[in-house]
Amino acid sequence: MSDSKIIFYNAVVCPYAQRAAIALRESAAQYETINIDLANKPEWYKDINPDTKVPALGVEGQNIAESLVIIEYINDRFPEANLLPKEAIRRANVRFVIEFFTTKINGVFFKYLFGSQDEAAFEEFDKEINASLVRLDQLLTQQSATGPYFLGNEFSLADIAIAPFFLRILGFSKVYLKDYQFKAIKTHPRLEEFINGITTRPSVTETYIGDEEYVKRFSERHNLTKK
């Protein structure tokens, strides 16, 4: 394998792997894809990533893992894609919103999905996640009054990191939470525009397995039942 060749170890069901898939498409990189069956991982994959997680990227004679590391690498290797702004403070804002979303929105949603089904738990979830979505709206408007992306009309690593998880949150809300509607999205136009923008971008839709198939596979793997 030449050092210039990129090998992408993917699993289409995985949101972390989708981050890498989106970044590769946005960068117009030339790469080979090897799909990993997460239910039956090949023995040799331990030599690629000892943790046997996806995504992984074979690049420059090495294998790198962890989705945020990989999308930063893709940005650095293909700077012409402009997936991070030039200004240090705006780069910091991109990285902050990724961390905020991961802990305060994605973490809260899946904690509830796997947790208690009683009314008190739902009320706490409803309060907490909508408060976090309002804060996300504030972060969005601090960057730009209009979207459709985090940085206004600039598609960036923030959108790449968040989009796969918003797709899945919306899909699960529709199927498992009785078509639960997030009040904050309905009442904050910038937030709604952002979600629509990132979830309809071609590099995102073309790398997504789809709500029905994702929910089916994920729920079977984790024995989830409808709330």
Protein backbone atom coordinates (compact mmCIF):
# COMPACT_ATOMS: atom_id res chain seq x y z
CA MET A 1 0.00 0.00 0.00
CA SER A 2 1.39 3.39 -0.96
CA ASP A 3 1.52 6.02 1.75
CA SER A 4 -0.86 8.23 -0.21
CA LYS A 5 -3.65 5.65 -0.31
CA ILE A 6 -6.54 5.99 2.15
CA ILE A 7 -8.45 2.97 3.41
CA PHE A 8 -11.66 3.71 5.28
CA TYR A 9 -12.93 1.03 7.68
CA ASN A 10 -16.64 1.71 7.90
CA ALA A 11 -19.92 0.38 9.28
CA VAL A 12 -22.89 2.13 7.72
CA VAL A 13 -25.02 1.73 10.84
CA CYS A 14 -22.52 3.62 13.03
CA PRO A 15 -22.88 7.41 13.53
CA TYR A 16 -19.21 7.74 14.43
CA ALA A 17 -18.21 6.10 11.17
CA GLN A 18 -20.65 8.33 9.32
CA ARG A 19 -18.69 11.35 10.56
CA ALA A 20 -15.65 10.05 8.69
CA ALA A 21 -17.72 9.15 5.63
CA ILE A 22 -19.10 12.70 5.42
CA ALA A 23 -15.67 14.30 5.83
CA LEU A 24 -14.17 12.10 3.13
CA ARG A 25 -16.93 13.06 0.70
CA GLU A 26 -16.65 16.73 1.52
CA SER A 27 -12.90 16.64 0.97
CA ALA A 28 -13.24 14.88 -2.42
CA ALA A 29 -10.63 12.38 -1.23
CA GLN A 30 -9.88 9.22 -3.16
CA TYR A 31 -10.23 6.24 -0.85
CA GLU A 32 -11.11 2.56 -0.57
CA THR A 33 -13.91 1.47 1.78
CA ILE A 34 -13.86 -1.77 3.75
CA ASN A 35 -17.11 -2.42 5.60
CA ILE A 36 -16.90 -4.06 9.01
CA ASP A 37 -19.77 -6.18 10.31
CA LEU A 38 -20.12 -4.98 13.90
CA ALA A 39 -21.99 -8.14 14.88
CA ASN A 40 -19.26 -10.36 13.49
CA LYS A 41 -16.00 -8.43 13.41
CA PRO A 42 -13.21 -10.14 11.49
CA GLU A 43 -10.28 -11.36 13.56
CA TRP A 44 -7.80 -9.37 11.48
CA TYR A 45 -9.49 -6.08 12.38
CA LYS A 46 -7.68 -6.10 15.75
CA ASP A 47 -4.52 -5.39 13.80
CA ILE A 48 -6.13 -2.25 12.37
CA ASN A 49 -7.70 -1.00 15.60
CA PRO A 50 -7.02 -3.00 18.78
CA ASP A 51 -10.28 -1.64 20.25
CA THR A 52 -12.07 -3.08 17.16
CA LYS A 53 -14.23 0.04 16.89
CA VAL A 54 -15.14 1.92 13.74
CA PRO A 55 -14.22 4.14 12.09
CA ALA A 56 -10.57 3.63 11.39
CA LEU A 57 -8.45 5.06 8.62
CA GLY A 58 -5.40 3.52 7.02
CA VAL A 59 -3.19 6.47 6.03
CA GLU A 60 0.49 7.21 5.49
CA GLY A 61 1.53 3.73 6.59
CA GLN A 62 -0.44 3.94 9.85
CA ASN A 63 -3.94 3.25 11.14
CA ILE A 64 -5.74 5.97 13.06
CA ALA A 65 -8.99 5.70 15.01
CA GLU A 66 -11.61 7.80 16.82
CA SER A 67 -14.02 9.78 14.69
CA LEU A 68 -13.07 13.28 15.83
CA VAL A 69 -9.38 12.55 15.34
CA ILE A 70 -10.13 11.22 11.86
CA ILE A 71 -12.20 14.18 10.70
CA GLU A 72 -9.53 16.58 11.99
CA TYR A 73 -6.92 14.59 10.05
CA ILE A 74 -9.04 14.79 6.88
CA ASN A 75 -9.32 18.55 7.32
CA ASP A 76 -5.56 18.88 7.79
CA ARG A 77 -4.76 16.67 4.82
CA PHE A 78 -7.28 18.35 2.51
CA PRO A 79 -7.28 22.00 3.65
CA GLU A 80 -8.86 23.09 0.36
CA ALA A 81 -12.15 21.62 1.63
CA ASN A 82 -12.26 24.39 4.27
CA LEU A 83 -13.83 22.22 6.96
CA LEU A 84 -12.40 24.42 9.70
CA PRO A 85 -12.24 28.22 9.67
CA LYS A 86 -8.88 29.95 9.63
CA GLU A 87 -9.42 32.00 12.78
CA ALA A 88 -8.31 30.37 16.04
CA ILE A 89 -11.36 31.57 17.99
CA ARG A 90 -13.81 30.22 15.42
CA ARG A 91 -11.97 26.87 15.43
CA ALA A 92 -12.34 26.86 19.22
CA ASN A 93 -16.06 27.55 18.85
CA VAL A 94 -16.42 24.61 16.46
CA ARG A 95 -14.71 22.27 18.90
CA PHE A 96 -16.75 23.61 21.81
CA VAL A 97 -20.11 23.04 20.14
CA ILE A 98 -19.12 19.47 19.30
CA GLU A 99 -18.30 18.81 22.95
CA PHE A 100 -21.48 20.56 24.11
CA PHE A 101 -23.68 18.56 21.77
CA THR A 102 -22.00 15.27 22.70
CA THR A 103 -22.51 15.66 26.45
CA LYS A 104 -25.60 17.84 26.81
CA ILE A 105 -27.82 16.64 23.96
CA ASN A 106 -26.69 13.32 22.54
CA GLY A 107 -25.70 11.97 25.96
CA VAL A 108 -28.98 13.04 27.55
CA PHE A 109 -31.08 11.55 24.75
CA PHE A 110 -29.49 8.11 24.76
CA LYS A 111 -29.34 8.01 28.56
CA TYR A 112 -33.12 8.33 28.58
CA LEU A 113 -33.54 5.86 25.73
CA PHE A 114 -31.67 3.18 27.69
CA GLY A 115 -33.02 4.20 31.09
CA SER A 116 -36.21 4.32 33.12
CA GLN A 117 -39.57 4.48 31.38
CA ASP A 118 -41.54 6.12 34.19
CA GLU A 119 -43.23 9.51 33.92
CA ALA A 120 -40.80 11.28 36.25
CA ALA A 121 -37.85 10.18 34.09
CA PHE A 122 -39.60 11.47 30.97
CA GLU A 123 -40.34 14.84 32.58
CA GLU A 124 -36.71 15.21 33.60
CA PHE A 125 -35.55 14.23 30.12
CA ASP A 126 -37.99 16.63 28.46
CA LYS A 127 -36.84 19.52 30.64
CA GLU A 128 -33.12 18.80 30.34
CA ILE A 129 -32.88 18.18 26.61
CA ASN A 130 -35.01 21.17 25.64
CA ALA A 131 -32.93 23.43 27.89
CA SER A 132 -29.80 22.13 26.15
CA LEU A 133 -31.35 22.70 22.73
CA VAL A 134 -32.14 26.31 23.69
CA ARG A 135 -28.49 26.72 24.66
CA LEU A 136 -27.46 25.23 21.32
CA ASP A 137 -29.64 27.83 19.61
CA GLN A 138 -27.71 30.52 21.51
CA LEU A 139 -24.41 29.06 20.34
CA LEU A 140 -25.70 29.03 16.77
CA THR A 141 -26.85 32.66 16.82
CA GLN A 142 -23.54 33.73 18.34
CA GLN A 143 -21.83 32.42 15.21
CA SER A 144 -24.38 33.64 12.66
CA ALA A 145 -27.92 35.00 12.76
CA THR A 146 -28.81 32.70 9.88
CA GLY A 147 -27.76 29.24 8.77
CA PRO A 148 -28.10 26.75 7.51
CA TYR A 149 -24.94 25.56 9.29
CA PHE A 150 -23.18 26.26 12.57
CA LEU A 151 -20.98 28.89 10.92
CA GLY A 152 -23.77 30.32 8.81
CA ASN A 153 -23.26 29.29 5.19
CA GLU A 154 -19.93 27.55 5.89
CA PHE A 155 -20.18 23.77 6.30
CA SER A 156 -17.63 22.67 8.91
CA LEU A 157 -16.48 19.91 11.22
CA ALA A 158 -19.16 21.05 13.68
CA ASP A 159 -21.88 20.05 11.24
CA ILE A 160 -20.07 16.83 10.31
CA ALA A 161 -19.73 15.78 13.95
CA ILE A 162 -23.32 16.59 14.92
CA ALA A 163 -25.39 15.60 11.86
CA PRO A 164 -25.15 11.78 12.20
CA PHE A 165 -26.45 11.94 15.76
CA PHE A 166 -29.27 14.38 15.07
CA LEU A 167 -30.47 12.07 12.30
CA ARG A 168 -30.64 9.22 14.78
CA ILE A 169 -32.19 11.28 17.57
CA LEU A 170 -34.98 12.38 15.25
CA GLY A 171 -35.45 8.84 13.95
CA PHE A 172 -35.71 7.34 17.42
CA SER A 173 -38.04 10.10 18.59
CA LYS A 174 -40.40 9.29 15.75
CA VAL A 175 -40.35 5.52 16.22
CA TYR A 176 -39.68 4.91 19.91
CA LEU A 177 -40.91 8.01 21.68
CA LYS A 178 -44.35 8.18 20.04
CA ASP A 179 -43.29 10.87 17.57
CA TYR A 180 -42.00 13.06 20.39
CA GLN A 181 -41.56 16.69 19.29
CA PHE A 182 -38.80 18.85 20.75
CA LYS A 183 -40.41 22.09 21.90
CA ALA A 184 -37.16 24.01 21.55
CA ILE A 185 -36.83 23.13 17.87
CA LYS A 186 -40.37 24.28 17.12
CA THR A 187 -39.87 27.63 18.88
CA HIS A 188 -36.32 28.55 17.75
CA PRO A 189 -36.04 29.17 13.99
CA ARG A 190 -32.23 29.27 13.88
CA LEU A 191 -32.05 25.88 15.58
CA GLU A 192 -34.68 24.42 13.27
CA GLU A 193 -32.86 25.81 10.23
CA PHE A 194 -29.59 24.29 11.46
CA ILE A 195 -31.08 20.84 11.96
CA ASN A 196 -32.75 20.91 8.56
CA GLY A 197 -29.54 22.16 6.95
CA ILE A 198 -27.20 19.54 8.33
CA THR A 199 -29.59 16.59 7.93
CA THR A 200 -30.39 17.33 4.28
CA ARG A 201 -26.88 18.03 2.98
CA PRO A 202 -26.05 15.47 0.23
CA SER A 203 -22.87 14.17 1.92
CA VAL A 204 -25.01 13.43 5.00
CA THR A 205 -28.06 11.87 3.35
CA GLU A 206 -25.93 9.79 0.98
CA THR A 207 -23.98 8.22 3.86
CA TYR A 208 -26.96 7.54 6.14
CA ILE A 209 -28.49 4.09 6.36
CA GLY A 210 -31.97 5.56 6.89
CA ASP A 211 -34.23 5.84 9.94
CA GLU A 212 -36.07 2.56 9.50
CA GLU A 213 -33.00 0.40 8.99
CA TYR A 214 -30.95 2.14 11.67
CA VAL A 215 -33.66 1.91 14.32
CA LYS A 216 -34.31 -1.73 13.43
CA ARG A 217 -30.66 -2.76 13.72
CA PHE A 218 -29.93 -0.69 16.81
CA SER A 219 -33.01 -1.80 18.72
CA GLU A 220 -32.38 -5.46 17.92
CA ARG A 221 -28.77 -5.20 19.06
CA HIS A 222 -29.67 -3.46 22.33
CA ASN A 223 -33.08 -5.10 22.99
CA LEU A 224 -34.88 -1.77 23.10
CA THR A 225 -38.63 -1.52 23.49
CA LYS A 226 -40.84 1.45 22.69
CA LYS A 227 -41.33 3.98 25.48
